[in-house]
């Protein structure tokens, strides 16, 4: 039985509050008592279930990427689409940055993420834990950029639009991709990050120029009266390390320790400003040009939403509107609010701002739906003057907005808001 004195101390990643983490039972969660941030999930202690599901997802992903996803037929002509077809189509039209984005987010990173996750979980299952800390740190960093489920939704939007003009059929690769995405998402619901971190070893590395080694915070509060018990919470694995200095490596995951993310305010402000500048051409310029029997129709993001509404595809119109228009603007305005409140040292709506940050951090990558829809349409609709789809300049600006806002969210440190409210 773990007594209150022996319960490990953790520092909330969102507000910085140091507190003892209670023993979490199955189907229970532990939240920060100040900002309600989830500290331990209901899947605490599980390794076998996420490992099996991750293996299944990887095995299903292989045919999902090498077998054709969709086929279309128009006026006796047929065309088949693989996951790589959209990448090749965007590259061939001169949109190399977009091709790299689609290839990285939907092809390279899913394989890298699943392979690394399986290696770490299998290592834990077999009792081999050396060097797994840095690997799991990179797994956590890759997760926001691995967008297999978003690509799948983009395929569904493209499928619904194509059905209006041509015959469309889902092939074996499409079904395998759906199954792989489902298995991956289920694996993530069964995986608790803290479960992995707590079983990984903490290296007994010594500080530079010191005789005393690192100590994890079990019985010492982070700031002693003499400063010797000063603690830094690792921003990657959340390990609370006493006696640490900024720029020391974390003894568990190897990340560089910082009291707060370096240059977080200035970097985030610069990225948000760039995002606002690119948001205008992203919505004003066409993202897709459709050709039907020689007639060209250029669509911006908003006209694409209106087209879905005219064809009574209301659910898809709502998804695209929220993901492509509302979410980027919410991220930009939300981060601006957080930056201004931090600059002013405001203590108003601290919890609301922190919760808003969690929301935009979770949903930020869904804005890429339009990029993936365009990739599928460019790959499939290539029937000359009969039917053709071409990417537009607005798509590049829009993809840049998505990446800038996602990066800004990752670079911002919500603990700065709490520090500023106390005059720290």
Protein backbone atom coordinates (compact mmCIF):
# COMPACT_ATOMS: atom_id res chain seq x y z
CA UNK A 1 0.00 0.00 0.00
CA UNK A 2 1.36 3.43 -0.99
CA UNK A 3 1.07 6.02 1.79
CA UNK A 4 0.42 9.68 1.09
CA UNK A 5 4.06 10.51 1.84
CA UNK A 6 5.27 7.96 -0.68
CA UNK A 7 2.91 8.91 -3.49
CA UNK A 8 4.95 10.44 -6.34
CA UNK A 9 4.79 14.18 -6.86
CA UNK A 10 3.98 15.51 -10.32
CA UNK A 11 3.90 18.99 -11.78
CA UNK A 12 0.85 19.68 -13.94
CA UNK A 13 2.07 20.33 -17.52
CA UNK A 14 -0.61 23.00 -18.01
CA UNK A 15 -0.53 25.08 -14.82
CA UNK A 16 2.67 23.91 -13.11
CA UNK A 17 1.03 22.98 -9.80
CA UNK A 18 3.03 20.36 -7.90
CA UNK A 19 0.81 17.73 -6.31
CA UNK A 20 0.88 14.11 -5.21
CA UNK A 21 -0.49 11.63 -7.74
CA UNK A 22 -2.85 9.16 -6.07
CA UNK A 23 -3.04 5.50 -6.96
CA UNK A 24 -5.45 5.33 -9.91
CA UNK A 25 -7.79 2.34 -10.04
CA UNK A 26 -9.19 0.83 -13.23
CA UNK A 27 -11.83 2.98 -14.95
CA UNK A 28 -10.80 5.96 -12.80
CA UNK A 29 -8.86 9.08 -13.74
CA UNK A 30 -6.67 11.58 -11.92
CA UNK A 31 -6.99 15.29 -12.72
CA UNK A 32 -5.07 18.37 -11.66
CA UNK A 33 -6.86 19.89 -8.71
CA UNK A 34 -6.35 23.41 -10.04
CA UNK A 35 -6.93 23.28 -13.83
CA UNK A 36 -8.54 19.81 -14.22
CA UNK A 37 -5.85 18.60 -16.62
CA UNK A 38 -5.88 14.81 -17.03
CA UNK A 39 -2.85 13.39 -15.21
CA UNK A 40 -3.66 9.66 -15.40
CA UNK A 41 -6.27 8.03 -17.63
CA UNK A 42 -8.67 5.11 -17.21
CA UNK A 43 -6.33 2.80 -19.14
CA UNK A 44 -3.60 3.02 -16.50
CA UNK A 45 -1.51 -0.14 -16.28
CA UNK A 46 -2.38 -1.60 -19.69
CA UNK A 47 0.34 -2.75 -22.06
CA UNK A 48 -0.93 -5.90 -23.80
CA UNK A 49 -4.11 -4.41 -25.30
CA UNK A 50 -2.49 -1.37 -26.98
CA UNK A 51 0.39 -3.57 -28.18
CA UNK A 52 -1.93 -6.07 -29.87
CA UNK A 53 -4.01 -3.30 -31.45
CA UNK A 54 -0.91 -1.45 -32.68
CA UNK A 55 0.39 -4.64 -34.33
CA UNK A 56 -3.01 -5.15 -35.98
CA UNK A 57 -3.01 -1.54 -37.20
CA UNK A 58 0.45 -1.93 -38.75
CA UNK A 59 -0.47 -5.19 -40.49
CA UNK A 60 -3.63 -3.61 -41.91
CA UNK A 61 -1.80 -0.44 -42.92
CA UNK A 62 0.49 -2.35 -45.29
CA UNK A 63 -2.26 -3.42 -47.72
CA UNK A 64 -3.96 -0.09 -47.07
CA UNK A 65 -1.01 1.71 -48.62
CA UNK A 66 0.00 -0.71 -51.38
CA UNK A 67 -3.48 -1.68 -52.60
CA UNK A 68 -5.75 0.77 -54.49
CA UNK A 69 -8.15 2.81 -52.34
CA UNK A 70 -10.77 4.02 -54.80
CA UNK A 71 -11.69 3.69 -58.45
CA UNK A 72 -13.82 6.01 -60.60
CA UNK A 73 -15.44 5.51 -63.97
CA UNK A 74 -16.65 8.24 -66.31
CA UNK A 75 -17.91 7.84 -69.89
CA UNK A 76 -16.20 4.50 -70.34
CA UNK A 77 -12.88 5.60 -68.85
CA UNK A 78 -11.69 4.33 -65.46
CA UNK A 79 -9.04 5.51 -63.03
CA UNK A 80 -7.70 3.98 -59.81
CA UNK A 81 -6.26 5.81 -56.80
CA UNK A 82 -3.61 4.60 -54.33
CA UNK A 83 -2.57 6.53 -51.26
CA UNK A 84 0.58 7.53 -53.11
CA UNK A 85 -1.37 8.73 -56.16
CA UNK A 86 -2.34 12.03 -54.55
CA UNK A 87 1.28 12.63 -53.58
CA UNK A 88 2.45 12.01 -57.14
CA UNK A 89 -0.38 14.14 -58.57
CA UNK A 90 0.44 17.16 -56.39
CA UNK A 91 4.14 16.79 -57.16
CA UNK A 92 3.47 16.58 -60.89
CA UNK A 93 1.42 19.80 -60.82
CA UNK A 94 4.25 21.71 -59.18
CA UNK A 95 2.92 21.61 -55.61
CA UNK A 96 5.95 19.88 -54.13
CA UNK A 97 5.44 21.25 -50.58
CA UNK A 98 1.88 19.89 -50.52
CA UNK A 99 3.08 16.54 -51.84
CA UNK A 100 5.67 16.37 -49.04
CA UNK A 101 3.01 17.24 -46.45
CA UNK A 102 0.63 14.53 -47.61
CA UNK A 103 3.44 11.98 -47.93
CA UNK A 104 4.83 12.75 -44.48
CA UNK A 105 1.55 13.03 -42.54
CA UNK A 106 -0.31 10.14 -44.18
CA UNK A 107 2.37 7.69 -45.26
CA UNK A 108 5.80 8.07 -43.64
CA UNK A 109 4.80 9.15 -40.13
CA UNK A 110 2.06 6.51 -39.61
CA UNK A 111 4.58 3.75 -40.38
CA UNK A 112 7.26 5.35 -38.21
CA UNK A 113 4.81 5.97 -35.36
CA UNK A 114 3.38 2.45 -35.33
CA UNK A 115 6.77 0.77 -35.68
CA UNK A 116 8.23 2.81 -32.81
CA UNK A 117 5.16 2.31 -30.62
CA UNK A 118 5.26 -1.46 -31.15
CA UNK A 119 9.00 -1.53 -30.38
CA UNK A 120 8.52 0.37 -27.10
CA UNK A 121 5.48 -1.62 -25.92
CA UNK A 122 7.10 -4.94 -26.92
CA UNK A 123 10.24 -3.92 -25.04
CA UNK A 124 8.21 -3.21 -21.93
CA UNK A 125 6.37 -6.50 -22.30
CA UNK A 126 9.66 -8.40 -22.59
CA UNK A 127 11.33 -6.49 -19.77
CA UNK A 128 13.81 -4.69 -22.03
CA UNK A 129 13.61 -1.05 -20.94
CA UNK A 130 16.99 0.46 -21.75
CA UNK A 131 16.94 3.37 -24.21
CA UNK A 132 13.12 3.29 -24.48
CA UNK A 133 12.72 6.72 -22.85
CA UNK A 134 14.02 8.77 -25.82
CA UNK A 135 12.09 6.54 -28.24
CA UNK A 136 8.80 7.07 -26.41
CA UNK A 137 9.49 10.80 -26.24
CA UNK A 138 9.69 10.93 -30.02
CA UNK A 139 6.52 8.84 -30.29
CA UNK A 140 4.64 11.45 -28.27
CA UNK A 141 6.05 14.24 -30.42
CA UNK A 142 5.03 12.49 -33.64
CA UNK A 143 1.42 11.89 -32.60
CA UNK A 144 -0.02 15.33 -33.56
CA UNK A 145 1.58 15.08 -37.01
CA UNK A 146 0.39 11.56 -37.77
CA UNK A 147 -2.94 12.22 -39.53
CA UNK A 148 -4.20 8.90 -40.82
CA UNK A 149 -7.70 9.39 -39.41
CA UNK A 150 -7.93 12.88 -40.92
CA UNK A 151 -6.87 11.57 -44.32
CA UNK A 152 -9.61 8.96 -44.04
CA UNK A 153 -12.22 11.64 -43.41
CA UNK A 154 -10.80 13.56 -46.37
CA UNK A 155 -11.27 10.43 -48.50
CA UNK A 156 -14.88 10.23 -47.36
CA UNK A 157 -15.51 13.88 -48.30
CA UNK A 158 -13.88 13.33 -51.71
CA UNK A 159 -15.91 10.13 -52.19
CA UNK A 160 -19.15 12.00 -51.50
CA UNK A 161 -18.26 14.77 -53.94
CA UNK A 162 -17.20 12.33 -56.66
CA UNK A 163 -20.43 10.38 -56.45
CA UNK A 164 -22.24 13.45 -57.73
CA UNK A 165 -20.45 13.35 -61.10
CA UNK A 166 -18.88 9.90 -61.61
CA UNK A 167 -19.21 6.34 -60.42
CA UNK A 168 -17.01 5.59 -57.41
CA UNK A 169 -16.08 2.29 -55.80
CA UNK A 170 -14.15 1.58 -52.59
CA UNK A 171 -11.46 -1.03 -53.21
CA UNK A 172 -9.51 -3.39 -50.92
CA UNK A 173 -6.95 -0.76 -49.93
CA UNK A 174 -9.70 1.58 -48.79
CA UNK A 175 -11.28 -1.03 -46.53
CA UNK A 176 -7.89 -1.98 -45.08
CA UNK A 177 -7.08 1.68 -44.45
CA UNK A 178 -10.35 2.11 -42.57
CA UNK A 179 -9.63 -0.97 -40.46
CA UNK A 180 -6.05 0.15 -39.77
CA UNK A 181 -7.23 3.59 -38.66
CA UNK A 182 -9.87 2.07 -36.39
CA UNK A 183 -7.35 -0.27 -34.78
CA UNK A 184 -4.89 2.60 -34.28
CA UNK A 185 -7.46 4.87 -32.63
CA UNK A 186 -8.60 2.03 -30.40
CA UNK A 187 -4.97 1.33 -29.43
CA UNK A 188 -4.52 4.96 -28.40
CA UNK A 189 -7.62 4.84 -26.19
CA UNK A 190 -6.13 1.82 -24.41
CA UNK A 191 -2.72 3.44 -23.90
CA UNK A 192 -1.91 5.63 -20.93
CA UNK A 193 1.29 7.64 -21.33
CA UNK A 194 2.02 7.72 -17.61
CA UNK A 195 1.87 3.92 -17.49
CA UNK A 196 4.79 3.78 -19.91
CA UNK A 197 6.78 6.58 -18.30
CA UNK A 198 6.50 5.17 -14.78
CA UNK A 199 8.05 1.81 -15.70
CA UNK A 200 10.94 3.30 -17.66
CA UNK A 201 14.23 3.58 -15.73
CA UNK A 202 15.65 6.87 -14.48
CA UNK A 203 19.39 6.99 -15.16
CA UNK A 204 21.56 7.91 -12.15
CA UNK A 205 23.37 10.61 -14.09
CA UNK A 206 25.19 13.33 -12.18
CA UNK A 207 25.02 17.05 -12.79
CA UNK A 208 27.90 18.76 -14.50
CA UNK A 209 30.37 19.98 -11.91
CA UNK A 210 28.45 18.49 -8.97
CA UNK A 211 28.94 15.62 -6.61
CA UNK A 212 25.24 15.03 -5.96
CA UNK A 213 23.19 13.03 -8.44
CA UNK A 214 19.65 13.60 -9.63
CA UNK A 215 16.75 12.69 -7.42
CA UNK A 216 13.17 12.26 -8.53
CA UNK A 217 10.64 14.10 -6.39
CA UNK A 218 9.21 11.53 -4.00
CA UNK A 219 9.74 13.22 -0.67
CA UNK A 220 11.00 16.73 -1.46
CA UNK A 221 8.93 19.71 -2.57
CA UNK A 222 10.31 21.50 -5.60
CA UNK A 223 11.65 24.64 -3.96
CA UNK A 224 13.59 24.38 -0.71
CA UNK A 225 14.53 27.40 1.39
CA UNK A 226 18.17 27.06 0.43
CA UNK A 227 17.46 26.40 -3.26
CA UNK A 228 19.21 23.03 -3.28
CA UNK A 229 15.95 21.14 -3.77
CA UNK A 230 14.87 23.21 -6.74
CA UNK A 231 12.98 20.98 -9.19
CA UNK A 232 12.28 21.14 -12.89
CA UNK A 233 9.46 19.22 -14.53
CA UNK A 234 10.44 17.67 -17.85
CA UNK A 235 8.19 19.00 -20.59
CA UNK A 236 8.34 15.65 -22.41
CA UNK A 237 7.87 12.91 -19.80
CA UNK A 238 6.69 15.13 -16.88
CA UNK A 239 9.34 13.73 -14.54
CA UNK A 240 9.91 16.08 -11.60
CA UNK A 241 13.67 16.28 -11.08
CA UNK A 242 15.07 17.87 -7.92
CA UNK A 243 18.41 19.61 -7.88
CA UNK A 244 18.30 20.07 -11.65
CA UNK A 245 19.46 23.01 -13.72
CA UNK A 246 18.11 24.35 -16.99
CA UNK A 247 19.78 22.73 -20.02
CA UNK A 248 20.50 19.49 -18.13
CA UNK A 249 19.18 16.36 -19.91
CA UNK A 250 16.20 14.58 -18.37
CA UNK A 251 17.43 11.38 -16.67
CA UNK A 252 14.47 9.40 -18.01
CA UNK A 253 13.75 10.54 -21.58
CA UNK A 254 16.84 12.56 -22.46
CA UNK A 255 14.98 15.79 -23.28
CA UNK A 256 16.63 19.07 -22.34
CA UNK A 257 15.23 20.36 -19.06
CA UNK A 258 13.80 23.88 -18.92
CA UNK A 259 11.85 25.73 -16.24
CA UNK A 260 9.59 26.88 -19.06
CA UNK A 261 9.74 26.30 -22.81
CA UNK A 262 12.50 28.59 -24.12
CA UNK A 263 11.36 31.66 -26.07
CA UNK A 264 7.80 30.34 -25.94
CA UNK A 265 6.12 33.77 -25.95
CA UNK A 266 8.13 35.31 -28.79
CA UNK A 267 8.12 32.23 -31.01
CA UNK A 268 4.37 31.69 -30.57
CA UNK A 269 3.62 35.37 -31.24
CA UNK A 270 5.66 35.29 -34.46
CA UNK A 271 3.95 32.13 -35.69
CA UNK A 272 0.49 33.49 -34.91
CA UNK A 273 1.24 36.75 -36.76
CA UNK A 274 2.39 34.76 -39.82
CA UNK A 275 -0.74 32.62 -39.55
CA UNK A 276 -3.00 35.69 -39.63
CA UNK A 277 -1.21 37.02 -42.72
CA UNK A 278 -1.60 33.74 -44.61
CA UNK A 279 -5.20 33.19 -43.48
CA UNK A 280 -6.39 35.86 -45.95
CA UNK A 281 -4.94 34.33 -49.17
CA UNK A 282 -5.82 30.86 -47.88
CA UNK A 283 -9.50 31.81 -47.96
CA UNK A 284 -9.43 34.26 -50.89
CA UNK A 285 -7.51 32.19 -53.44
CA UNK A 286 -8.94 29.03 -55.04
CA UNK A 287 -7.89 25.76 -53.43
CA UNK A 288 -9.26 23.51 -56.19
CA UNK A 289 -10.20 23.93 -59.85
CA UNK A 290 -12.65 21.47 -61.37
CA UNK A 291 -12.94 21.02 -65.12
CA UNK A 292 -16.08 19.44 -66.60
CA UNK A 293 -16.39 19.21 -70.41
CA UNK A 294 -14.08 22.17 -70.86
CA UNK A 295 -15.82 24.37 -68.28
CA UNK A 296 -13.60 25.42 -65.36
CA UNK A 297 -14.90 26.12 -61.88
CA UNK A 298 -12.49 27.45 -59.27
CA UNK A 299 -13.48 26.83 -55.67
CA UNK A 300 -12.28 28.58 -52.56
CA UNK A 301 -12.82 26.94 -49.18
CA UNK A 302 -16.12 28.72 -48.60
CA UNK A 303 -17.46 28.03 -52.11
CA UNK A 304 -16.59 24.37 -51.59
CA UNK A 305 -18.72 24.39 -48.45
CA UNK A 306 -21.58 26.07 -50.33
CA UNK A 307 -21.33 23.45 -53.08
CA UNK A 308 -21.72 20.68 -50.52
CA UNK A 309 -24.75 22.48 -49.11
CA UNK A 310 -26.33 22.87 -52.55
CA UNK A 311 -25.97 19.14 -53.07
CA UNK A 312 -27.65 18.51 -49.67
CA UNK A 313 -24.49 17.07 -48.15
CA UNK A 314 -25.13 18.97 -44.92
CA UNK A 315 -23.02 16.84 -42.54
CA UNK A 316 -19.99 17.04 -44.82
CA UNK A 317 -20.51 20.77 -45.34
CA UNK A 318 -20.55 21.26 -41.57
CA UNK A 319 -17.39 19.17 -41.12
CA UNK A 320 -15.48 21.09 -43.79
CA UNK A 321 -16.75 24.46 -42.51
CA UNK A 322 -15.70 23.72 -38.94
CA UNK A 323 -12.37 22.11 -39.83
CA UNK A 324 -11.26 24.53 -42.56
CA UNK A 325 -12.71 27.88 -41.48
CA UNK A 326 -13.70 27.84 -37.82
CA UNK A 327 -10.83 25.78 -36.35
CA UNK A 328 -7.93 27.79 -37.91
CA UNK A 329 -9.57 31.05 -36.84
CA UNK A 330 -10.26 29.65 -33.37
CA UNK A 331 -6.60 28.67 -33.02
CA UNK A 332 -5.34 32.07 -34.16
CA UNK A 333 -7.75 34.09 -32.01
CA UNK A 334 -7.40 31.76 -29.03
CA UNK A 335 -3.60 31.92 -29.03
CA UNK A 336 -3.78 35.71 -29.48
CA UNK A 337 -6.00 35.94 -26.40
CA UNK A 338 -3.57 33.81 -24.41
CA UNK A 339 -0.57 35.87 -25.51
CA UNK A 340 -2.23 39.20 -24.69
CA UNK A 341 -3.46 37.95 -21.31
CA UNK A 342 0.03 36.66 -20.49
CA UNK A 343 1.63 39.95 -21.53
CA UNK A 344 -0.80 41.88 -19.32
CA UNK A 345 -0.40 39.48 -16.40
CA UNK A 346 -4.15 38.92 -16.30
CA UNK A 347 -5.64 36.38 -13.89
CA UNK A 348 -9.09 36.44 -15.50
CA UNK A 349 -10.46 33.23 -17.01
CA UNK A 350 -7.23 31.32 -16.39
CA UNK A 351 -8.96 27.95 -16.30
CA UNK A 352 -11.03 28.82 -19.38
CA UNK A 353 -7.90 29.81 -21.30
CA UNK A 354 -6.13 26.63 -20.25
CA UNK A 355 -9.08 24.49 -21.34
CA UNK A 356 -9.28 26.36 -24.66
CA UNK A 357 -5.61 25.57 -25.22
CA UNK A 358 -6.30 21.86 -24.73
CA UNK A 359 -9.15 22.03 -27.24
CA UNK A 360 -7.15 23.74 -29.98
CA UNK A 361 -4.21 21.44 -29.33
CA UNK A 362 -6.49 18.43 -29.83
CA UNK A 363 -8.43 19.57 -32.90
CA UNK A 364 -5.75 21.62 -34.63
CA UNK A 365 -4.63 18.97 -37.10
CA UNK A 366 -8.18 18.41 -38.40
CA UNK A 367 -7.89 21.56 -40.49
CA UNK A 368 -5.86 19.52 -43.00
CA UNK A 369 -9.02 17.84 -44.30
CA UNK A 370 -9.17 20.19 -47.31
CA UNK A 371 -5.56 19.38 -48.25
CA UNK A 372 -6.30 15.65 -48.22
CA UNK A 373 -9.57 16.08 -50.13
CA UNK A 374 -7.67 17.93 -52.85
CA UNK A 375 -5.00 15.21 -52.96
CA UNK A 376 -7.61 12.49 -53.56
CA UNK A 377 -9.52 14.52 -56.18
CA UNK A 378 -6.33 15.43 -58.04
CA UNK A 379 -5.38 11.76 -58.15
CA UNK A 380 -8.76 10.50 -59.37
CA UNK A 381 -10.25 13.19 -61.58
CA UNK A 382 -7.85 13.11 -64.51
CA UNK A 383 -10.02 12.49 -67.57
CA UNK A 384 -8.82 15.36 -69.73
CA UNK A 385 -11.51 17.82 -70.81
CA UNK A 386 -14.26 15.46 -69.58
CA UNK A 387 -13.39 15.78 -65.90
CA UNK A 388 -10.27 17.06 -64.24
CA UNK A 389 -9.19 18.45 -60.86
CA UNK A 390 -6.24 20.77 -60.22
CA UNK A 391 -4.90 22.15 -56.97
CA UNK A 392 -4.91 25.93 -56.48
CA UNK A 393 -2.57 28.42 -54.86
CA UNK A 394 -4.88 28.89 -51.89
CA UNK A 395 -4.23 25.29 -50.88
CA UNK A 396 -0.53 26.01 -50.25
CA UNK A 397 -1.36 29.06 -48.14
CA UNK A 398 -3.98 27.08 -46.23
CA UNK A 399 -1.57 24.21 -45.50
CA UNK A 400 0.96 26.76 -44.27
CA UNK A 401 -1.65 28.23 -41.89
CA UNK A 402 -2.39 24.78 -40.49
CA UNK A 403 1.28 23.96 -39.91
CA UNK A 404 2.03 27.39 -38.42
CA UNK A 405 -0.88 27.22 -35.98
CA UNK A 406 -0.06 23.64 -34.98
CA UNK A 407 3.55 24.61 -34.36
CA UNK A 408 2.47 27.72 -32.43
CA UNK A 409 0.28 25.56 -30.20
CA UNK A 410 3.17 23.20 -29.48
CA UNK A 411 5.64 26.01 -28.74
CA UNK A 412 3.34 27.91 -26.38
CA UNK A 413 3.68 27.18 -22.66
CA UNK A 414 0.41 27.55 -20.75
CA UNK A 415 2.33 27.73 -17.47
CA UNK A 416 3.42 31.22 -18.53
CA UNK A 417 -0.19 32.35 -18.12
CA UNK A 418 -0.26 31.09 -14.54
CA UNK A 419 3.16 32.57 -13.80
CA UNK A 420 2.14 35.96 -15.18
CA UNK A 421 -1.07 36.02 -13.14
CA UNK A 422 1.06 35.75 -9.97
CA UNK A 423 3.55 38.32 -11.19
CA UNK A 424 6.17 35.55 -11.80
